[in-house]
Amino acid sequence: SDSAMAGEALKLNVSANQASTPRLIE
């Protein structure tokens, strides 16, 4: 993703659902 806000939302949502974080492509 190009978006820092999307990255922040990703961290919140995987944490809230006790899911694993994907491999991030920078």
mmCIF file of all heavy atoms, coordinates in Angstrom:
data_MODEL
# 
_entry.id   MODEL 
# 
loop_
_atom_site.group_PDB 
_atom_site.id 
_atom_site.type_symbol 
_atom_site.label_atom_id 
_atom_site.label_alt_id 
_atom_site.label_comp_id 
_atom_site.label_asym_id 
_atom_site.label_entity_id 
_atom_site.label_seq_id 
_atom_site.pdbx_PDB_ins_code 
_atom_site.Cartn_x 
_atom_site.Cartn_y 
_atom_site.Cartn_z 
_atom_site.occupancy 
_atom_site.B_iso_or_equiv 
_atom_site.pdbx_formal_charge 
_atom_site.auth_seq_id 
_atom_site.auth_comp_id 
_atom_site.auth_asym_id 
_atom_site.auth_atom_id 
_atom_site.pdbx_PDB_model_num 
ATOM 1   N N   . SER A 1 1  ? 0.843   -1.197  0.000  1.00 0.00 ? 1  SER A N   1 
ATOM 2   C CA  . SER A 1 1  ? 0.000   0.000   0.000  1.00 0.00 ? 1  SER A CA  1 
ATOM 3   C C   . SER A 1 1  ? 0.875   1.243   0.000  1.00 0.00 ? 1  SER A C   1 
ATOM 4   O O   . SER A 1 1  ? 1.932   1.271   0.622  1.00 0.00 ? 1  SER A O   1 
ATOM 5   C CB  . SER A 1 1  ? -0.923  0.013   1.222  1.00 0.00 ? 1  SER A CB  1 
ATOM 6   O OG  . SER A 1 1  ? -1.667  1.218   1.283  1.00 0.00 ? 1  SER A OG  1 
ATOM 7   N N   . ASP A 1 2  ? 0.385   2.272   -0.668 1.00 0.00 ? 2  ASP A N   1 
ATOM 8   C CA  . ASP A 1 2  ? 1.055   3.570   -0.687 1.00 0.00 ? 2  ASP A CA  1 
ATOM 9   C C   . ASP A 1 2  ? 0.783   4.370   0.578  1.00 0.00 ? 2  ASP A C   1 
ATOM 10  O O   . ASP A 1 2  ? 1.514   5.296   0.915  1.00 0.00 ? 2  ASP A O   1 
ATOM 11  C CB  . ASP A 1 2  ? 0.548   4.349   -1.918 1.00 0.00 ? 2  ASP A CB  1 
ATOM 12  C CG  . ASP A 1 2  ? 1.092   5.764   -2.009 1.00 0.00 ? 2  ASP A CG  1 
ATOM 13  O OD1 . ASP A 1 2  ? 2.307   5.920   -2.214 1.00 0.00 ? 2  ASP A OD1 1 
ATOM 14  O OD2 . ASP A 1 2  ? 0.290   6.714   -1.866 1.00 0.00 ? 2  ASP A OD2 1 
ATOM 15  N N   . SER A 1 3  ? -0.259  3.979   1.310  1.00 0.00 ? 3  SER A N   1 
ATOM 16  C CA  . SER A 1 3  ? -0.827  4.833   2.362  1.00 0.00 ? 3  SER A CA  1 
ATOM 17  C C   . SER A 1 3  ? -0.363  4.470   3.763  1.00 0.00 ? 3  SER A C   1 
ATOM 18  O O   . SER A 1 3  ? -0.520  3.327   4.209  1.00 0.00 ? 3  SER A O   1 
ATOM 19  C CB  . SER A 1 3  ? -2.360  4.745   2.291  1.00 0.00 ? 3  SER A CB  1 
ATOM 20  O OG  . SER A 1 3  ? -2.958  5.312   3.431  1.00 0.00 ? 3  SER A OG  1 
ATOM 21  N N   . ALA A 1 4  ? 0.156   5.463   4.493  1.00 0.00 ? 4  ALA A N   1 
ATOM 22  C CA  . ALA A 1 4  ? 0.515   5.264   5.898  1.00 0.00 ? 4  ALA A CA  1 
ATOM 23  C C   . ALA A 1 4  ? -0.734  5.069   6.751  1.00 0.00 ? 4  ALA A C   1 
ATOM 24  O O   . ALA A 1 4  ? -0.706  4.325   7.741  1.00 0.00 ? 4  ALA A O   1 
ATOM 25  C CB  . ALA A 1 4  ? 1.319   6.457   6.411  1.00 0.00 ? 4  ALA A CB  1 
ATOM 26  N N   . MET A 1 5  ? -1.838  5.718   6.393  1.00 0.00 ? 5  MET A N   1 
ATOM 27  C CA  . MET A 1 5  ? -3.083  5.527   7.139  1.00 0.00 ? 5  MET A CA  1 
ATOM 28  C C   . MET A 1 5  ? -3.616  4.117   6.955  1.00 0.00 ? 5  MET A C   1 
ATOM 29  O O   . MET A 1 5  ? -4.136  3.510   7.894  1.00 0.00 ? 5  MET A O   1 
ATOM 30  C CB  . MET A 1 5  ? -4.125  6.567   6.719  1.00 0.00 ? 5  MET A CB  1 
ATOM 31  C CG  . MET A 1 5  ? -3.855  7.946   7.292  1.00 0.00 ? 5  MET A CG  1 
ATOM 32  S SD  . MET A 1 5  ? -5.205  9.120   7.024  1.00 0.00 ? 5  MET A SD  1 
ATOM 33  C CE  . MET A 1 5  ? -5.088  9.383   5.278  1.00 0.00 ? 5  MET A CE  1 
ATOM 34  N N   . ALA A 1 6  ? -3.492  3.580   5.741  1.00 0.00 ? 6  ALA A N   1 
ATOM 35  C CA  . ALA A 1 6  ? -3.908  2.199   5.513  1.00 0.00 ? 6  ALA A CA  1 
ATOM 36  C C   . ALA A 1 6  ? -3.061  1.249   6.350  1.00 0.00 ? 6  ALA A C   1 
ATOM 37  O O   . ALA A 1 6  ? -3.577  0.284   6.924  1.00 0.00 ? 6  ALA A O   1 
ATOM 38  C CB  . ALA A 1 6  ? -3.795  1.854   4.030  1.00 0.00 ? 6  ALA A CB  1 
ATOM 39  N N   . GLY A 1 7  ? -1.755  1.531   6.442  1.00 0.00 ? 7  GLY A N   1 
ATOM 40  C CA  . GLY A 1 7  ? -0.876  0.705   7.260  1.00 0.00 ? 7  GLY A CA  1 
ATOM 41  C C   . GLY A 1 7  ? -1.249  0.758   8.726  1.00 0.00 ? 7  GLY A C   1 
ATOM 42  O O   . GLY A 1 7  ? -1.195  -0.256  9.439  1.00 0.00 ? 7  GLY A O   1 
ATOM 43  N N   . GLU A 1 8  ? -1.639  1.937   9.183  1.00 0.00 ? 8  GLU A N   1 
ATOM 44  C CA  . GLU A 1 8  ? -2.062  2.088   10.578 1.00 0.00 ? 8  GLU A CA  1 
ATOM 45  C C   . GLU A 1 8  ? -3.362  1.322   10.834 1.00 0.00 ? 8  GLU A C   1 
ATOM 46  O O   . GLU A 1 8  ? -3.520  0.652   11.862 1.00 0.00 ? 8  GLU A O   1 
ATOM 47  C CB  . GLU A 1 8  ? -2.242  3.573   10.888 1.00 0.00 ? 8  GLU A CB  1 
ATOM 48  C CG  . GLU A 1 8  ? -2.318  3.917   12.350 1.00 0.00 ? 8  GLU A CG  1 
ATOM 49  C CD  . GLU A 1 8  ? -2.284  5.421   12.594 1.00 0.00 ? 8  GLU A CD  1 
ATOM 50  O OE1 . GLU A 1 8  ? -1.300  6.065   12.170 1.00 0.00 ? 8  GLU A OE1 1 
ATOM 51  O OE2 . GLU A 1 8  ? -3.238  5.937   13.202 1.00 0.00 ? 8  GLU A OE2 1 
ATOM 52  N N   . ALA A 1 9  ? -4.296  1.409   9.870  1.00 0.00 ? 9  ALA A N   1 
ATOM 53  C CA  . ALA A 1 9  ? -5.559  0.678   9.990  1.00 0.00 ? 9  ALA A CA  1 
ATOM 54  C C   . ALA A 1 9  ? -5.313  -0.826  9.977  1.00 0.00 ? 9  ALA A C   1 
ATOM 55  O O   . ALA A 1 9  ? -5.958  -1.582  10.726 1.00 0.00 ? 9  ALA A O   1 
ATOM 56  C CB  . ALA A 1 9  ? -6.504  1.070   8.861  1.00 0.00 ? 9  ALA A CB  1 
ATOM 57  N N   . LEU A 1 10 ? -4.395  -1.276  9.135  1.00 0.00 ? 10 LEU A N   1 
ATOM 58  C CA  . LEU A 1 10 ? -4.056  -2.705  9.085  1.00 0.00 ? 10 LEU A CA  1 
ATOM 59  C C   . LEU A 1 10 ? -3.609  -3.208  10.448 1.00 0.00 ? 10 LEU A C   1 
ATOM 60  O O   . LEU A 1 10 ? -4.081  -4.244  10.934 1.00 0.00 ? 10 LEU A O   1 
ATOM 61  C CB  . LEU A 1 10 ? -2.956  -2.936  8.050  1.00 0.00 ? 10 LEU A CB  1 
ATOM 62  C CG  . LEU A 1 10 ? -2.330  -4.331  8.031  1.00 0.00 ? 10 LEU A CG  1 
ATOM 63  C CD1 . LEU A 1 10 ? -3.317  -5.360  7.511  1.00 0.00 ? 10 LEU A CD1 1 
ATOM 64  C CD2 . LEU A 1 10 ? -1.044  -4.342  7.215  1.00 0.00 ? 10 LEU A CD2 1 
ATOM 65  N N   . LYS A 1 11 ? -2.698  -2.479  11.086 1.00 0.00 ? 11 LYS A N   1 
ATOM 66  C CA  . LYS A 1 11 ? -2.199  -2.895  12.398 1.00 0.00 ? 11 LYS A CA  1 
ATOM 67  C C   . LYS A 1 11 ? -3.326  -2.953  13.426 1.00 0.00 ? 11 LYS A C   1 
ATOM 68  O O   . LYS A 1 11 ? -3.406  -3.889  14.235 1.00 0.00 ? 11 LYS A O   1 
ATOM 69  C CB  . LYS A 1 11 ? -1.095  -1.944  12.854 1.00 0.00 ? 11 LYS A CB  1 
ATOM 70  C CG  . LYS A 1 11 ? 0.169   -2.018  12.023 1.00 0.00 ? 11 LYS A CG  1 
ATOM 71  C CD  . LYS A 1 11 ? 1.204   -0.998  12.481 1.00 0.00 ? 11 LYS A CD  1 
ATOM 72  C CE  . LYS A 1 11 ? 2.450   -1.039  11.600 1.00 0.00 ? 11 LYS A CE  1 
ATOM 73  N NZ  . LYS A 1 11 ? 3.447   -0.011  11.997 1.00 0.00 ? 11 LYS A NZ  1 
ATOM 74  N N   . LEU A 1 12 ? -4.213  -1.959  13.405 1.00 0.00 ? 12 LEU A N   1 
ATOM 75  C CA  . LEU A 1 12 ? -5.341  -1.948  14.333 1.00 0.00 ? 12 LEU A CA  1 
ATOM 76  C C   . LEU A 1 12 ? -6.259  -3.148  14.110 1.00 0.00 ? 12 LEU A C   1 
ATOM 77  O O   . LEU A 1 12 ? -6.697  -3.806  15.067 1.00 0.00 ? 12 LEU A O   1 
ATOM 78  C CB  . LEU A 1 12 ? -6.142  -0.653  14.174 1.00 0.00 ? 12 LEU A CB  1 
ATOM 79  C CG  . LEU A 1 12 ? -5.528  0.641   14.711 1.00 0.00 ? 12 LEU A CG  1 
ATOM 80  C CD1 . LEU A 1 12 ? -6.388  1.829   14.300 1.00 0.00 ? 12 LEU A CD1 1 
ATOM 81  C CD2 . LEU A 1 12 ? -5.409  0.588   16.229 1.00 0.00 ? 12 LEU A CD2 1 
ATOM 82  N N   . ASN A 1 13 ? -6.540  -3.438  12.836 1.00 0.00 ? 13 ASN A N   1 
ATOM 83  C CA  . ASN A 1 13 ? -7.533  -4.458  12.532 1.00 0.00 ? 13 ASN A CA  1 
ATOM 84  C C   . ASN A 1 13 ? -7.013  -5.881  12.737 1.00 0.00 ? 13 ASN A C   1 
ATOM 85  O O   . ASN A 1 13 ? -7.756  -6.744  13.218 1.00 0.00 ? 13 ASN A O   1 
ATOM 86  C CB  . ASN A 1 13 ? -8.059  -4.257  11.109 1.00 0.00 ? 13 ASN A CB  1 
ATOM 87  C CG  . ASN A 1 13 ? -8.945  -3.023  11.015 1.00 0.00 ? 13 ASN A CG  1 
ATOM 88  O OD1 . ASN A 1 13 ? -9.637  -2.674  11.959 1.00 0.00 ? 13 ASN A OD1 1 
ATOM 89  N ND2 . ASN A 1 13 ? -8.905  -2.341  9.878  1.00 0.00 ? 13 ASN A ND2 1 
ATOM 90  N N   . VAL A 1 14 ? -5.759  -6.141  12.388 1.00 0.00 ? 14 VAL A N   1 
ATOM 91  C CA  . VAL A 1 14 ? -5.251  -7.493  12.650 1.00 0.00 ? 14 VAL A CA  1 
ATOM 92  C C   . VAL A 1 14 ? -5.136  -7.720  14.157 1.00 0.00 ? 14 VAL A C   1 
ATOM 93  O O   . VAL A 1 14 ? -5.396  -8.827  14.654 1.00 0.00 ? 14 VAL A O   1 
ATOM 94  C CB  . VAL A 1 14 ? -3.903  -7.758  11.935 1.00 0.00 ? 14 VAL A CB  1 
ATOM 95  C CG1 . VAL A 1 14 ? -4.076  -7.729  10.424 1.00 0.00 ? 14 VAL A CG1 1 
ATOM 96  C CG2 . VAL A 1 14 ? -2.819  -6.791  12.375 1.00 0.00 ? 14 VAL A CG2 1 
ATOM 97  N N   . SER A 1 15 ? -4.784  -6.678  14.901 1.00 0.00 ? 15 SER A N   1 
ATOM 98  C CA  . SER A 1 15 ? -4.697  -6.802  16.350 1.00 0.00 ? 15 SER A CA  1 
ATOM 99  C C   . SER A 1 15 ? -6.072  -7.029  16.969 1.00 0.00 ? 15 SER A C   1 
ATOM 100 O O   . SER A 1 15 ? -6.243  -7.895  17.836 1.00 0.00 ? 15 SER A O   1 
ATOM 101 C CB  . SER A 1 15 ? -4.045  -5.554  16.947 1.00 0.00 ? 15 SER A CB  1 
ATOM 102 O OG  . SER A 1 15 ? -4.035  -5.600  18.355 1.00 0.00 ? 15 SER A OG  1 
ATOM 103 N N   . ALA A 1 16 ? -7.073  -6.268  16.515 1.00 0.00 ? 16 ALA A N   1 
ATOM 104 C CA  . ALA A 1 16 ? -8.423  -6.384  17.068 1.00 0.00 ? 16 ALA A CA  1 
ATOM 105 C C   . ALA A 1 16 ? -9.025  -7.757  16.819 1.00 0.00 ? 16 ALA A C   1 
ATOM 106 O O   . ALA A 1 16 ? -9.885  -8.216  17.577 1.00 0.00 ? 16 ALA A O   1 
ATOM 107 C CB  . ALA A 1 16 ? -9.325  -5.303  16.476 1.00 0.00 ? 16 ALA A CB  1 
ATOM 108 N N   . ASN A 1 17 ? -8.569  -8.429  15.753 1.00 0.00 ? 17 ASN A N   1 
ATOM 109 C CA  . ASN A 1 17 ? -9.122  -9.737  15.403 1.00 0.00 ? 17 ASN A CA  1 
ATOM 110 C C   . ASN A 1 17 ? -8.149  -10.878 15.672 1.00 0.00 ? 17 ASN A C   1 
ATOM 111 O O   . ASN A 1 17 ? -8.378  -12.005 15.227 1.00 0.00 ? 17 ASN A O   1 
ATOM 112 C CB  . ASN A 1 17 ? -9.533  -9.729  13.934 1.00 0.00 ? 17 ASN A CB  1 
ATOM 113 C CG  . ASN A 1 17 ? -10.693 -8.789  13.665 1.00 0.00 ? 17 ASN A CG  1 
ATOM 114 O OD1 . ASN A 1 17 ? -11.837 -9.125  13.885 1.00 0.00 ? 17 ASN A OD1 1 
ATOM 115 N ND2 . ASN A 1 17 ? -10.374 -7.571  13.215 1.00 0.00 ? 17 ASN A ND2 1 
ATOM 116 N N   . GLN A 1 18 ? -7.070  -10.556 16.405 1.00 0.00 ? 18 GLN A N   1 
ATOM 117 C CA  . GLN A 1 18 ? -6.058  -11.548 16.761 1.00 0.00 ? 18 GLN A CA  1 
ATOM 118 C C   . GLN A 1 18 ? -5.590  -12.321 15.537 1.00 0.00 ? 18 GLN A C   1 
ATOM 119 O O   . GLN A 1 18 ? -5.425  -13.549 15.561 1.00 0.00 ? 18 GLN A O   1 
ATOM 120 C CB  . GLN A 1 18 ? -6.604  -12.511 17.819 1.00 0.00 ? 18 GLN A CB  1 
ATOM 121 C CG  . GLN A 1 18 ? -6.958  -11.811 19.137 1.00 0.00 ? 18 GLN A CG  1 
ATOM 122 C CD  . GLN A 1 18 ? -7.471  -12.765 20.201 1.00 0.00 ? 18 GLN A CD  1 
ATOM 123 O OE1 . GLN A 1 18 ? -8.175  -13.706 19.899 1.00 0.00 ? 18 GLN A OE1 1 
ATOM 124 N NE2 . GLN A 1 18 ? -7.085  -12.515 21.444 1.00 0.00 ? 18 GLN A NE2 1 
ATOM 125 N N   . ALA A 1 19 ? -5.375  -11.579 14.457 1.00 0.00 ? 19 ALA A N   1 
ATOM 126 C CA  . ALA A 1 19 ? -4.900  -12.158 13.200 1.00 0.00 ? 19 ALA A CA  1 
ATOM 127 C C   . ALA A 1 19 ? -3.419  -11.838 13.027 1.00 0.00 ? 19 ALA A C   1 
ATOM 128 O O   . ALA A 1 19 ? -2.890  -10.912 13.640 1.00 0.00 ? 19 ALA A O   1 
ATOM 129 C CB  . ALA A 1 19 ? -5.706  -11.595 12.033 1.00 0.00 ? 19 ALA A CB  1 
ATOM 130 N N   . SER A 1 20 ? -2.759  -12.610 12.180 1.00 0.00 ? 20 SER A N   1 
ATOM 131 C CA  . SER A 1 20 ? -1.336  -12.381 11.929 1.00 0.00 ? 20 SER A CA  1 
ATOM 132 C C   . SER A 1 20 ? -1.157  -11.241 10.935 1.00 0.00 ? 20 SER A C   1 
ATOM 133 O O   . SER A 1 20 ? -1.979  -11.039 10.035 1.00 0.00 ? 20 SER A O   1 
ATOM 134 C CB  . SER A 1 20 ? -0.666  -13.648 11.399 1.00 0.00 ? 20 SER A CB  1 
ATOM 135 O OG  . SER A 1 20 ? -1.316  -14.096 10.220 1.00 0.00 ? 20 SER A OG  1 
ATOM 136 N N   . THR A 1 21 ? -0.090  -10.495 11.113 1.00 0.00 ? 21 THR A N   1 
ATOM 137 C CA  . THR A 1 21 ? 0.221   -9.369  10.223 1.00 0.00 ? 21 THR A CA  1 
ATOM 138 C C   . THR A 1 21 ? 0.853   -9.884  8.934  1.00 0.00 ? 21 THR A C   1 
ATOM 139 O O   . THR A 1 21 ? 1.752   -10.722 8.976  1.00 0.00 ? 21 THR A O   1 
ATOM 140 C CB  . THR A 1 21 ? 1.184   -8.394  10.912 1.00 0.00 ? 21 THR A CB  1 
ATOM 141 O OG1 . THR A 1 21 ? 0.588   -7.929  12.123 1.00 0.00 ? 21 THR A OG1 1 
ATOM 142 C CG2 . THR A 1 21 ? 1.497   -7.201  10.017 1.00 0.00 ? 21 THR A CG2 1 
ATOM 143 N N   . PRO A 1 22 ? 0.396   -9.416  7.776  1.00 0.00 ? 22 PRO A N   1 
ATOM 144 C CA  . PRO A 1 22 ? 0.996   -9.866  6.522  1.00 0.00 ? 22 PRO A CA  1 
ATOM 145 C C   . PRO A 1 22 ? 2.409   -9.310  6.349  1.00 0.00 ? 22 PRO A C   1 
ATOM 146 O O   . PRO A 1 22 ? 2.825   -8.402  7.069  1.00 0.00 ? 22 PRO A O   1 
ATOM 147 C CB  . PRO A 1 22 ? 0.051   -9.299  5.463  1.00 0.00 ? 22 PRO A CB  1 
ATOM 148 C CG  . PRO A 1 22 ? -0.542  -8.090  6.109  1.00 0.00 ? 22 PRO A CG  1 
ATOM 149 C CD  . PRO A 1 22 ? -0.680  -8.432  7.563  1.00 0.00 ? 22 PRO A CD  1 
ATOM 150 N N   . ARG A 1 23 ? 3.132   -9.875  5.415  1.00 0.00 ? 23 ARG A N   1 
ATOM 151 C CA  . ARG A 1 23 ? 4.453   -9.345  5.053  1.00 0.00 ? 23 ARG A CA  1 
ATOM 152 C C   . ARG A 1 23 ? 4.237   -8.012  4.331  1.00 0.00 ? 23 ARG A C   1 
ATOM 153 O O   . ARG A 1 23 ? 3.544   -7.940  3.319  1.00 0.00 ? 23 ARG A O   1 
ATOM 154 C CB  . ARG A 1 23 ? 5.196   -10.327 4.153  1.00 0.00 ? 23 ARG A CB  1 
ATOM 155 C CG  . ARG A 1 23 ? 6.535   -9.808  3.622  1.00 0.00 ? 23 ARG A CG  1 
ATOM 156 C CD  . ARG A 1 23 ? 7.248   -10.897 2.835  1.00 0.00 ? 23 ARG A CD  1 
ATOM 157 N NE  . ARG A 1 23 ? 8.445   -10.388 2.186  1.00 0.00 ? 23 ARG A NE  1 
ATOM 158 C CZ  . ARG A 1 23 ? 8.509   -10.004 0.908  1.00 0.00 ? 23 ARG A CZ  1 
ATOM 159 N NH1 . ARG A 1 23 ? 7.421   -10.078 0.144  1.00 0.00 ? 23 ARG A NH1 1 
ATOM 160 N NH2 . ARG A 1 23 ? 9.632   -9.556  0.391  1.00 0.00 ? 23 ARG A NH2 1 
ATOM 161 N N   . LEU A 1 24 ? 4.838   -6.950  4.854  1.00 0.00 ? 24 LEU A N   1 
ATOM 162 C CA  . LEU A 1 24 ? 4.621   -5.610  4.313  1.00 0.00 ? 24 LEU A CA  1 
ATOM 163 C C   . LEU A 1 24 ? 5.612   -5.320  3.194  1.00 0.00 ? 24 LEU A C   1 
ATOM 164 O O   . LEU A 1 24 ? 6.821   -5.535  3.334  1.00 0.00 ? 24 LEU A O   1 
ATOM 165 C CB  . LEU A 1 24 ? 4.753   -4.566  5.418  1.00 0.00 ? 24 LEU A CB  1 
ATOM 166 C CG  . LEU A 1 24 ? 3.821   -4.743  6.624  1.00 0.00 ? 24 LEU A CG  1 
ATOM 167 C CD1 . LEU A 1 24 ? 4.043   -3.629  7.630  1.00 0.00 ? 24 LEU A CD1 1 
ATOM 168 C CD2 . LEU A 1 24 ? 2.358   -4.795  6.185  1.00 0.00 ? 24 LEU A CD2 1 
ATOM 169 N N   . ILE A 1 25 ? 5.091   -4.797  2.094  1.00 0.00 ? 25 ILE A N   1 
ATOM 170 C CA  . ILE A 1 25 ? 5.895   -4.403  0.932  1.00 0.00 ? 25 ILE A CA  1 
ATOM 171 C C   . ILE A 1 25 ? 6.053   -2.884  0.971  1.00 0.00 ? 25 ILE A C   1 
ATOM 172 O O   . ILE A 1 25 ? 5.066   -2.153  0.880  1.00 0.00 ? 25 ILE A O   1 
ATOM 173 C CB  . ILE A 1 25 ? 5.217   -4.826  -0.385 1.00 0.00 ? 25 ILE A CB  1 
ATOM 174 C CG1 . ILE A 1 25 ? 4.949   -6.334  -0.406 1.00 0.00 ? 25 ILE A CG1 1 
ATOM 175 C CG2 . ILE A 1 25 ? 6.058   -4.398  -1.584 1.00 0.00 ? 25 ILE A CG2 1 
ATOM 176 C CD1 . ILE A 1 25 ? 6.171   -7.193  -0.364 1.00 0.00 ? 25 ILE A CD1 1 
ATOM 177 N N   . GLU A 1 26 ? 7.272   -2.415  1.124  1.00 0.00 ? 26 GLU A N   1 
ATOM 178 C CA  . GLU A 1 26 ? 7.503   -0.969  1.193  1.00 0.00 ? 26 GLU A CA  1 
ATOM 179 C C   . GLU A 1 26 ? 7.898   -0.375  -0.153 1.00 0.00 ? 26 GLU A C   1 
ATOM 180 O O   . GLU A 1 26 ? 7.778   0.829   -0.362 1.00 0.00 ? 26 GLU A O   1 
ATOM 181 C CB  . GLU A 1 26 ? 8.578   -0.674  2.240  1.00 0.00 ? 26 GLU A CB  1 
ATOM 182 C CG  . GLU A 1 26 ? 8.126   -1.027  3.653  1.00 0.00 ? 26 GLU A CG  1 
ATOM 183 C CD  . GLU A 1 26 ? 9.046   -0.474  4.705  1.00 0.00 ? 26 GLU A CD  1 
ATOM 184 O OE1 . GLU A 1 26 ? 10.078  0.126   4.358  1.00 0.00 ? 26 GLU A OE1 1 
ATOM 185 O OE2 . GLU A 1 26 ? 8.732   -0.638  5.906  1.00 0.00 ? 26 GLU A OE2 1 
# 
